[in-house]
Amino acid sequence: MEIKVYGAAQTCPSCVGAPSSEETYSWLQAVLERKYETALTFAYIDFETSPVEDDWILALKDDVYFYPLVLLDEEMIDEGYVQLKKITQAIDMRLEKTAPE
């Protein structure tokens, strides 16, 4: 499973008091690597400085989403003030679907 966090150096203006995008990325990576024994890959993308523009970056630049924006296998899981419970529920659901019966 791949977890991507899109963010920017400056904190989202609508997310005052929330951790920065980079802090959120580091925190998620540390917590999820400890919690899950499955292979997780992580990527952080600064949407303001990325040389490549994908649909997520364009949407962030158009203020469609708040940042940090968290994706699990290219599916949006959470945005703005990221909540661990939403992320772990999405991972757990994905793991249940792939578990052998």
N, C-alpha and C. Protein backbone atom coordinates (compact mmCIF):
# COMPACT_ATOMS: atom_id res chain seq x y z
N MET A 1 0.84 -1.18 0.00
CA MET A 1 0.00 0.00 0.00
C MET A 1 0.88 1.23 0.00
N GLU A 2 0.43 2.23 -0.72
CA GLU A 2 1.18 3.48 -0.80
C GLU A 2 0.39 4.61 -0.16
N ILE A 3 1.06 5.32 0.72
CA ILE A 3 0.47 6.48 1.36
C ILE A 3 1.22 7.71 0.87
N LYS A 4 0.47 8.63 0.27
CA LYS A 4 1.04 9.88 -0.20
C LYS A 4 0.45 11.02 0.62
N VAL A 5 1.31 11.94 0.98
CA VAL A 5 0.86 13.14 1.67
C VAL A 5 1.28 14.32 0.80
N TYR A 6 0.28 15.06 0.34
CA TYR A 6 0.53 16.29 -0.41
C TYR A 6 0.44 17.45 0.57
N GLY A 7 1.40 18.34 0.49
CA GLY A 7 1.37 19.48 1.39
C GLY A 7 2.23 20.60 0.87
N ALA A 8 2.50 21.53 1.75
CA ALA A 8 3.32 22.69 1.42
C ALA A 8 4.07 23.13 2.67
N ALA A 9 5.11 23.91 2.47
CA ALA A 9 5.91 24.39 3.59
C ALA A 9 5.08 25.25 4.53
N GLN A 10 4.20 26.06 3.96
CA GLN A 10 3.34 26.92 4.78
C GLN A 10 2.09 26.14 5.19
N THR A 11 1.66 26.31 6.44
CA THR A 11 0.47 25.63 6.93
C THR A 11 -0.76 26.16 6.22
N CYS A 12 -1.70 25.28 5.96
CA CYS A 12 -2.96 25.64 5.31
C CYS A 12 -3.65 26.75 6.12
N PRO A 13 -4.04 27.85 5.47
CA PRO A 13 -4.67 28.96 6.20
C PRO A 13 -5.94 28.56 6.93
N SER A 14 -6.64 27.56 6.46
CA SER A 14 -7.88 27.12 7.11
C SER A 14 -7.61 26.11 8.23
N CYS A 15 -6.35 25.74 8.42
CA CYS A 15 -6.00 24.71 9.40
C CYS A 15 -5.12 25.29 10.51
N VAL A 16 -5.47 26.47 10.99
CA VAL A 16 -4.68 27.13 12.03
C VAL A 16 -4.62 26.23 13.26
N GLY A 17 -3.43 26.07 13.78
CA GLY A 17 -3.23 25.23 14.96
C GLY A 17 -2.91 23.79 14.63
N ALA A 18 -3.07 23.41 13.37
CA ALA A 18 -2.75 22.04 12.96
C ALA A 18 -1.26 21.92 12.69
N PRO A 19 -0.72 20.71 12.79
CA PRO A 19 0.69 20.52 12.45
C PRO A 19 0.93 20.84 10.98
N SER A 20 2.17 21.12 10.64
CA SER A 20 2.51 21.38 9.24
C SER A 20 2.34 20.09 8.43
N SER A 21 2.34 20.23 7.13
CA SER A 21 2.22 19.06 6.25
C SER A 21 3.38 18.10 6.47
N GLU A 22 4.59 18.64 6.59
CA GLU A 22 5.77 17.79 6.79
C GLU A 22 5.72 17.09 8.14
N GLU A 23 5.25 17.79 9.17
CA GLU A 23 5.10 17.16 10.49
C GLU A 23 4.05 16.05 10.44
N THR A 24 2.97 16.30 9.74
CA THR A 24 1.92 15.29 9.59
C THR A 24 2.47 14.06 8.88
N TYR A 25 3.22 14.28 7.82
CA TYR A 25 3.82 13.17 7.07
C TYR A 25 4.74 12.34 7.97
N SER A 26 5.63 13.00 8.69
CA SER A 26 6.57 12.30 9.57
C SER A 26 5.84 11.52 10.66
N TRP A 27 4.84 12.14 11.22
CA TRP A 27 4.05 11.52 12.29
C TRP A 27 3.32 10.30 11.76
N LEU A 28 2.64 10.44 10.63
CA LEU A 28 1.93 9.30 10.05
C LEU A 28 2.87 8.15 9.73
N GLN A 29 3.99 8.45 9.13
CA GLN A 29 4.95 7.42 8.78
C GLN A 29 5.41 6.66 10.02
N ALA A 30 5.75 7.37 11.07
CA ALA A 30 6.23 6.73 12.30
C ALA A 30 5.14 5.86 12.94
N VAL A 31 3.95 6.40 13.05
CA VAL A 31 2.86 5.67 13.71
C VAL A 31 2.44 4.44 12.90
N LEU A 32 2.27 4.62 11.60
CA LEU A 32 1.76 3.52 10.78
C LEU A 32 2.78 2.41 10.59
N GLU A 33 4.06 2.75 10.53
CA GLU A 33 5.09 1.71 10.43
C GLU A 33 5.14 0.87 11.69
N ARG A 34 4.85 1.48 12.85
CA ARG A 34 4.82 0.72 14.10
C ARG A 34 3.56 -0.14 14.19
N LYS A 35 2.46 0.38 13.70
CA LYS A 35 1.16 -0.29 13.86
C LYS A 35 0.97 -1.47 12.91
N TYR A 36 1.45 -1.34 11.70
CA TYR A 36 1.17 -2.37 10.68
C TYR A 36 2.41 -3.15 10.30
N GLU A 37 2.21 -4.46 10.16
CA GLU A 37 3.31 -5.33 9.74
C GLU A 37 3.35 -5.48 8.23
N THR A 38 2.37 -4.96 7.54
CA THR A 38 2.32 -5.05 6.09
C THR A 38 3.24 -4.00 5.47
N ALA A 39 3.59 -4.21 4.23
CA ALA A 39 4.49 -3.28 3.55
C ALA A 39 3.74 -1.99 3.19
N LEU A 40 4.21 -0.90 3.72
CA LEU A 40 3.67 0.42 3.41
C LEU A 40 4.79 1.26 2.81
N THR A 41 4.47 1.96 1.75
CA THR A 41 5.43 2.92 1.21
C THR A 41 4.85 4.31 1.41
N PHE A 42 5.75 5.26 1.61
CA PHE A 42 5.33 6.62 1.92
C PHE A 42 5.98 7.59 0.95
N ALA A 43 5.24 8.63 0.62
CA ALA A 43 5.78 9.68 -0.24
C ALA A 43 5.21 11.02 0.22
N TYR A 44 6.07 12.01 0.25
CA TYR A 44 5.63 13.38 0.55
C TYR A 44 5.84 14.22 -0.70
N ILE A 45 4.81 14.94 -1.09
CA ILE A 45 4.90 15.79 -2.28
C ILE A 45 4.53 17.21 -1.89
N ASP A 46 5.46 18.13 -2.07
CA ASP A 46 5.17 19.55 -1.86
C ASP A 46 4.51 20.05 -3.14
N PHE A 47 3.22 20.30 -3.07
CA PHE A 47 2.48 20.64 -4.30
C PHE A 47 2.85 22.00 -4.85
N GLU A 48 3.49 22.83 -4.05
CA GLU A 48 3.88 24.16 -4.53
C GLU A 48 5.20 24.12 -5.30
N THR A 49 6.04 23.14 -5.02
CA THR A 49 7.36 23.09 -5.66
C THR A 49 7.57 21.87 -6.55
N SER A 50 6.60 20.98 -6.61
CA SER A 50 6.75 19.76 -7.41
C SER A 50 6.91 20.10 -8.89
N PRO A 51 7.91 19.50 -9.55
CA PRO A 51 8.09 19.76 -10.98
C PRO A 51 7.00 19.09 -11.84
N VAL A 52 6.31 18.12 -11.26
CA VAL A 52 5.25 17.40 -11.97
C VAL A 52 3.91 17.84 -11.39
N GLU A 53 2.94 18.09 -12.26
CA GLU A 53 1.61 18.46 -11.79
C GLU A 53 0.63 17.35 -12.15
N ASP A 54 0.10 16.68 -11.13
CA ASP A 54 -0.94 15.68 -11.37
C ASP A 54 -2.29 16.30 -10.98
N ASP A 55 -3.35 15.51 -11.08
CA ASP A 55 -4.69 16.02 -10.79
C ASP A 55 -4.83 16.49 -9.34
N TRP A 56 -4.15 15.80 -8.42
CA TRP A 56 -4.23 16.18 -7.01
C TRP A 56 -3.59 17.54 -6.79
N ILE A 57 -2.44 17.76 -7.41
CA ILE A 57 -1.75 19.04 -7.27
C ILE A 57 -2.60 20.16 -7.87
N LEU A 58 -3.17 19.92 -9.03
CA LEU A 58 -4.02 20.94 -9.64
C LEU A 58 -5.23 21.25 -8.76
N ALA A 59 -5.82 20.23 -8.17
CA ALA A 59 -6.97 20.44 -7.28
C ALA A 59 -6.57 21.22 -6.03
N LEU A 60 -5.40 20.92 -5.47
CA LEU A 60 -4.92 21.68 -4.31
C LEU A 60 -4.67 23.15 -4.68
N LYS A 61 -4.09 23.37 -5.83
CA LYS A 61 -3.83 24.75 -6.27
C LYS A 61 -5.12 25.50 -6.55
N ASP A 62 -6.17 24.78 -6.92
CA ASP A 62 -7.48 25.39 -7.17
C ASP A 62 -8.35 25.44 -5.91
N ASP A 63 -7.75 25.11 -4.76
CA ASP A 63 -8.45 25.14 -3.46
C ASP A 63 -9.64 24.18 -3.39
N VAL A 64 -9.56 23.08 -4.11
CA VAL A 64 -10.61 22.07 -4.04
C VAL A 64 -10.48 21.29 -2.73
N TYR A 65 -9.24 21.07 -2.29
CA TYR A 65 -8.96 20.34 -1.05
C TYR A 65 -8.11 21.19 -0.13
N PHE A 66 -8.18 20.85 1.17
CA PHE A 66 -7.26 21.43 2.15
C PHE A 66 -6.01 20.55 2.16
N TYR A 67 -4.94 21.08 2.68
CA TYR A 67 -3.73 20.28 2.82
C TYR A 67 -3.27 20.32 4.26
N PRO A 68 -2.59 19.29 4.72
CA PRO A 68 -2.13 18.13 3.98
C PRO A 68 -3.29 17.27 3.48
N LEU A 69 -3.07 16.68 2.33
CA LEU A 69 -4.02 15.78 1.68
C LEU A 69 -3.40 14.39 1.73
N VAL A 70 -4.12 13.43 2.29
CA VAL A 70 -3.58 12.08 2.47
C VAL A 70 -4.30 11.12 1.52
N LEU A 71 -3.50 10.39 0.74
CA LEU A 71 -4.03 9.39 -0.19
C LEU A 71 -3.55 8.01 0.22
N LEU A 72 -4.42 7.04 0.03
CA LEU A 72 -4.05 5.63 0.20
C LEU A 72 -4.29 4.98 -1.15
N ASP A 73 -3.22 4.55 -1.80
CA ASP A 73 -3.30 3.96 -3.14
C ASP A 73 -4.14 4.84 -4.08
N GLU A 74 -3.80 6.12 -4.10
CA GLU A 74 -4.43 7.12 -4.98
C GLU A 74 -5.88 7.44 -4.65
N GLU A 75 -6.36 7.01 -3.48
CA GLU A 75 -7.72 7.35 -3.03
C GLU A 75 -7.59 8.33 -1.87
N MET A 76 -8.33 9.44 -1.94
CA MET A 76 -8.27 10.45 -0.89
C MET A 76 -8.89 9.89 0.39
N ILE A 77 -8.12 9.98 1.49
CA ILE A 77 -8.55 9.46 2.77
C ILE A 77 -8.89 10.58 3.74
N ASP A 78 -8.07 11.62 3.78
CA ASP A 78 -8.30 12.72 4.71
C ASP A 78 -7.59 13.97 4.18
N GLU A 79 -8.00 15.11 4.72
CA GLU A 79 -7.42 16.38 4.31
C GLU A 79 -7.49 17.37 5.46
N GLY A 80 -6.61 18.36 5.39
CA GLY A 80 -6.64 19.42 6.40
C GLY A 80 -6.09 18.94 7.73
N TYR A 81 -6.93 18.98 8.75
CA TYR A 81 -6.53 18.51 10.07
C TYR A 81 -6.68 16.99 10.07
N VAL A 82 -5.61 16.28 9.76
CA VAL A 82 -5.63 14.83 9.53
C VAL A 82 -5.87 14.08 10.84
N GLN A 83 -6.77 13.10 10.77
CA GLN A 83 -7.11 12.29 11.94
C GLN A 83 -6.63 10.86 11.73
N LEU A 84 -5.87 10.37 12.68
CA LEU A 84 -5.30 9.03 12.58
C LEU A 84 -6.38 7.97 12.41
N LYS A 85 -7.51 8.13 13.09
CA LYS A 85 -8.57 7.13 13.03
C LYS A 85 -9.06 6.92 11.59
N LYS A 86 -9.21 8.00 10.82
CA LYS A 86 -9.65 7.87 9.43
C LYS A 86 -8.64 7.09 8.60
N ILE A 87 -7.36 7.36 8.85
CA ILE A 87 -6.30 6.70 8.09
C ILE A 87 -6.25 5.21 8.43
N THR A 88 -6.29 4.89 9.71
CA THR A 88 -6.20 3.48 10.11
C THR A 88 -7.44 2.70 9.68
N GLN A 89 -8.61 3.33 9.71
CA GLN A 89 -9.82 2.65 9.24
C GLN A 89 -9.70 2.31 7.75
N ALA A 90 -9.18 3.23 6.97
CA ALA A 90 -9.02 2.98 5.53
C ALA A 90 -8.02 1.85 5.29
N ILE A 91 -6.92 1.84 6.03
CA ILE A 91 -5.93 0.78 5.88
C ILE A 91 -6.52 -0.55 6.32
N ASP A 92 -7.22 -0.56 7.46
CA ASP A 92 -7.83 -1.79 7.96
C ASP A 92 -8.83 -2.36 6.96
N MET A 93 -9.64 -1.50 6.35
CA MET A 93 -10.59 -1.96 5.34
C MET A 93 -9.87 -2.57 4.15
N ARG A 94 -8.79 -1.95 3.72
CA ARG A 94 -8.01 -2.45 2.60
C ARG A 94 -7.39 -3.81 2.96
N LEU A 95 -6.90 -3.94 4.19
CA LEU A 95 -6.30 -5.20 4.62
C LEU A 95 -7.34 -6.31 4.71
N GLU A 96 -8.55 -5.98 5.16
CA GLU A 96 -9.61 -6.98 5.25
C GLU A 96 -9.99 -7.49 3.87
N LYS A 97 -9.99 -6.61 2.88
CA LYS A 97 -10.33 -7.02 1.51
C LYS A 97 -9.29 -7.95 0.91
N THR A 98 -8.04 -7.78 1.33
CA THR A 98 -6.96 -8.57 0.74
C THR A 98 -6.57 -9.78 1.58
N ALA A 99 -7.20 -9.91 2.76
CA ALA A 99 -6.86 -11.05 3.63
C ALA A 99 -7.36 -12.36 3.04
N PRO A 100 -6.54 -13.43 3.11
CA PRO A 100 -6.99 -14.73 2.61
C PRO A 100 -8.11 -15.26 3.48
N GLU A 101 -9.06 -15.93 2.85
CA GLU A 101 -10.21 -16.43 3.63
C GLU A 101 -10.01 -17.86 4.04
